């Protein structure tokens, strides 16, 4: 793969073995770079966006961290600590974060209305953040297909939350999509 090859989209956090697969190199090559930097290198060790990008670059590959993952991390940080720094985010991720924060109260109201027997406050923090992000996208990005938004939200839930979160996020976001976009996917 040449340096001119298109960048591969990757999640913000992923296991060493997944990074190797996505950038089409051996796990051992990724591990060697991580070991040389004194970082954890087991195939199941999770690595963050900076490390992933650095490892890929060292191995002559280009990666692009998914905007949704970066937005999720920033929004989760805001939920946990009450602060976020959007200046460090790519434009698309920063716009998502700013939109969700601006409309959070309204988004929460709509999410609660669509989720049966669940208040937003009772939801795991990651799940409610993913739902806010997904609903914001459904409302503000009409050119992005509904199925893409829902499937990306489910991917985020499966990657960053509990075993049952993917199904929960899928159900709530599908109901919101029917209400917002008037389609059944």
Protein backbone atom coordinates (compact mmCIF):
# COMPACT_ATOMS: atom_id res chain seq x y z
CA UNK A 1 0.00 0.00 0.00
CA UNK A 2 1.53 3.32 -1.03
CA UNK A 3 1.48 6.57 0.89
CA UNK A 4 -1.01 7.82 -1.71
CA UNK A 5 -3.55 5.17 -0.82
CA UNK A 6 -6.71 6.53 0.75
CA UNK A 7 -6.86 6.71 4.51
CA UNK A 8 -8.61 3.83 6.25
CA UNK A 9 -11.40 4.82 8.65
CA UNK A 10 -10.94 3.37 12.10
CA UNK A 11 -12.70 3.72 15.46
CA UNK A 12 -11.14 5.98 18.06
CA UNK A 13 -10.33 3.00 20.30
CA UNK A 14 -9.70 -0.51 19.10
CA UNK A 15 -7.73 -3.63 19.97
CA UNK A 16 -4.21 -4.01 18.59
CA UNK A 17 -5.36 -6.98 16.46
CA UNK A 18 -8.17 -4.94 14.88
CA UNK A 19 -5.80 -2.11 13.99
CA UNK A 20 -3.48 -4.60 12.30
CA UNK A 21 -6.36 -6.04 10.31
CA UNK A 22 -7.70 -2.64 9.26
CA UNK A 23 -4.34 -1.32 8.08
CA UNK A 24 -3.52 -4.68 6.48
CA UNK A 25 -0.34 -5.54 8.38
CA UNK A 26 0.50 -8.36 10.76
CA UNK A 27 -0.29 -8.11 14.45
CA UNK A 28 3.42 -8.64 15.07
CA UNK A 29 4.28 -5.50 13.08
CA UNK A 30 1.87 -3.40 15.14
CA UNK A 31 3.15 -4.98 18.35
CA UNK A 32 6.77 -4.20 17.42
CA UNK A 33 5.97 -0.51 16.98
CA UNK A 34 4.07 -0.39 20.27
CA UNK A 35 6.81 -2.25 22.16
CA UNK A 36 9.42 0.18 20.80
CA UNK A 37 7.37 2.99 22.34
CA UNK A 38 6.82 1.22 25.65
CA UNK A 39 3.09 0.89 25.09
CA UNK A 40 0.88 -2.14 25.80
CA UNK A 41 0.96 -4.46 22.82
CA UNK A 42 -1.13 -7.56 23.50
CA UNK A 43 -3.49 -8.32 20.58
CA UNK A 44 -6.43 -7.55 22.88
CA UNK A 45 -5.01 -4.33 24.37
CA UNK A 46 -7.07 -1.29 23.43
CA UNK A 47 -5.23 1.64 21.87
CA UNK A 48 -6.46 5.18 21.40
CA UNK A 49 -6.59 7.46 18.38
CA UNK A 50 -3.17 9.06 18.72
CA UNK A 51 -1.39 5.73 19.14
CA UNK A 52 -3.34 4.18 16.27
CA UNK A 53 -2.48 7.03 13.94
CA UNK A 54 1.18 7.00 14.99
CA UNK A 55 1.51 3.23 14.56
CA UNK A 56 -0.20 3.33 11.17
CA UNK A 57 2.03 6.17 10.01
CA UNK A 58 5.16 4.37 11.18
CA UNK A 59 4.06 1.36 9.13
CA UNK A 60 3.40 3.53 6.05
CA UNK A 61 -0.37 3.50 6.34
CA UNK A 62 -2.86 6.33 6.64
CA UNK A 63 -5.83 6.26 8.97
CA UNK A 64 -8.70 8.59 9.67
CA UNK A 65 -10.39 8.38 13.04
CA UNK A 66 -14.18 8.23 12.75
CA UNK A 67 -15.79 11.59 13.58
CA UNK A 68 -18.59 9.89 15.49
CA UNK A 69 -16.10 8.16 17.78
CA UNK A 70 -14.31 11.41 18.51
CA UNK A 71 -17.61 13.20 19.13
CA UNK A 72 -18.75 10.39 21.43
CA UNK A 73 -15.56 10.65 23.48
CA UNK A 74 -15.87 14.43 23.80
CA UNK A 75 -19.56 14.24 24.75
CA UNK A 76 -18.91 11.47 27.26
CA UNK A 77 -16.17 13.60 28.79
CA UNK A 78 -18.62 16.50 29.05
CA UNK A 79 -21.24 14.23 30.65
CA UNK A 80 -18.69 12.95 33.17
CA UNK A 81 -16.81 16.16 33.94
CA UNK A 82 -18.90 19.02 32.62
CA UNK A 83 -16.24 20.21 30.22
CA UNK A 84 -15.09 19.49 26.71
CA UNK A 85 -12.57 20.93 24.28
CA UNK A 86 -13.90 21.02 20.73
CA UNK A 87 -10.92 22.98 19.44
CA UNK A 88 -8.91 19.76 19.22
CA UNK A 89 -11.57 17.98 17.16
CA UNK A 90 -11.93 17.82 13.38
CA UNK A 91 -14.65 20.16 12.09
CA UNK A 92 -17.32 17.47 11.64
CA UNK A 93 -16.83 16.03 15.13
CA UNK A 94 -16.74 19.52 16.67
CA UNK A 95 -20.01 20.45 14.94
CA UNK A 96 -21.65 17.28 16.27
CA UNK A 97 -20.48 17.98 19.82
CA UNK A 98 -21.59 21.60 19.72
CA UNK A 99 -24.99 20.65 18.27
CA UNK A 100 -25.64 17.96 20.88
CA UNK A 101 -24.58 20.24 23.73
CA UNK A 102 -26.72 23.09 22.41
CA UNK A 103 -29.83 20.88 22.01
CA UNK A 104 -29.20 18.41 24.84
CA UNK A 105 -32.32 19.17 26.89
CA UNK A 106 -34.62 18.82 23.87
CA UNK A 107 -32.80 15.68 22.66
CA UNK A 108 -33.16 14.10 26.11
CA UNK A 109 -36.89 14.84 26.13
CA UNK A 110 -37.33 13.16 22.73
CA UNK A 111 -35.19 10.18 23.75
CA UNK A 112 -37.23 9.67 26.91
CA UNK A 113 -40.45 9.82 24.94
CA UNK A 114 -39.18 7.12 22.56
CA UNK A 115 -37.68 4.78 25.16
CA UNK A 116 -40.09 2.59 27.04
CA UNK A 117 -39.69 2.61 30.81
CA UNK A 118 -36.30 4.33 30.68
CA UNK A 119 -35.50 7.84 31.80
CA UNK A 120 -32.40 9.37 30.26
CA UNK A 121 -30.92 9.71 33.76
CA UNK A 122 -31.19 5.92 34.31
CA UNK A 123 -29.44 5.03 31.04
CA UNK A 124 -25.75 4.18 31.08
CA UNK A 125 -23.83 7.36 30.28
CA UNK A 126 -22.36 5.94 27.07
CA UNK A 127 -25.78 4.81 25.82
CA UNK A 128 -27.46 8.16 26.44
CA UNK A 129 -24.54 9.93 24.77
CA UNK A 130 -24.79 7.66 21.72
CA UNK A 131 -28.56 8.25 21.54
CA UNK A 132 -28.11 12.02 21.77
CA UNK A 133 -25.53 11.90 19.00
CA UNK A 134 -27.69 9.65 16.81
CA UNK A 135 -30.81 11.75 17.26
CA UNK A 136 -28.86 14.93 16.55
CA UNK A 137 -27.60 13.36 13.31
CA UNK A 138 -31.10 12.21 12.32
CA UNK A 139 -32.37 15.76 12.73
CA UNK A 140 -29.46 17.78 11.40
CA UNK A 141 -28.01 15.62 8.62
CA UNK A 142 -30.84 14.76 6.24
CA UNK A 143 -28.42 13.64 3.51
CA UNK A 144 -27.02 10.87 5.72
CA UNK A 145 -29.20 7.77 5.29
CA UNK A 146 -31.16 6.72 8.36
CA UNK A 147 -29.74 3.20 8.20
CA UNK A 148 -26.18 4.56 8.29
CA UNK A 149 -26.87 6.70 11.36
CA UNK A 150 -28.57 3.84 13.21
CA UNK A 151 -25.95 1.25 12.28
CA UNK A 152 -23.13 3.58 13.31
CA UNK A 153 -24.85 4.21 16.66
CA UNK A 154 -25.17 0.47 17.18
CA UNK A 155 -21.47 0.04 16.30
CA UNK A 156 -20.57 2.67 18.89
CA UNK A 157 -22.71 0.93 21.51
CA UNK A 158 -21.17 -2.46 20.74
CA UNK A 159 -17.67 -0.99 20.86
CA UNK A 160 -17.93 1.27 23.90
CA UNK A 161 -20.81 0.03 26.06
CA UNK A 162 -22.37 -3.14 27.44
CA UNK A 163 -23.27 -6.38 25.70
CA UNK A 164 -26.96 -5.42 25.55
CA UNK A 165 -26.44 -1.80 24.57
CA UNK A 166 -26.39 -2.39 20.81
CA UNK A 167 -29.93 -3.78 20.83
CA UNK A 168 -31.15 -1.06 23.19
CA UNK A 169 -29.66 1.76 21.09
CA UNK A 170 -31.02 0.16 17.91
CA UNK A 171 -34.56 -0.01 19.31
CA UNK A 172 -34.68 3.52 20.69
CA UNK A 173 -32.97 5.12 17.69
CA UNK A 174 -35.19 3.22 15.22
CA UNK A 175 -38.25 4.59 17.04
CA UNK A 176 -36.77 8.08 16.94
CA UNK A 177 -36.00 7.70 13.23
CA UNK A 178 -39.62 6.79 12.50
CA UNK A 179 -40.77 9.90 14.38
CA UNK A 180 -38.13 12.30 13.01
CA UNK A 181 -37.76 11.09 9.45
CA UNK A 182 -41.07 9.30 9.03
CA UNK A 183 -39.39 6.22 7.66
CA UNK A 184 -39.07 2.69 8.92
CA UNK A 185 -35.49 2.28 7.60
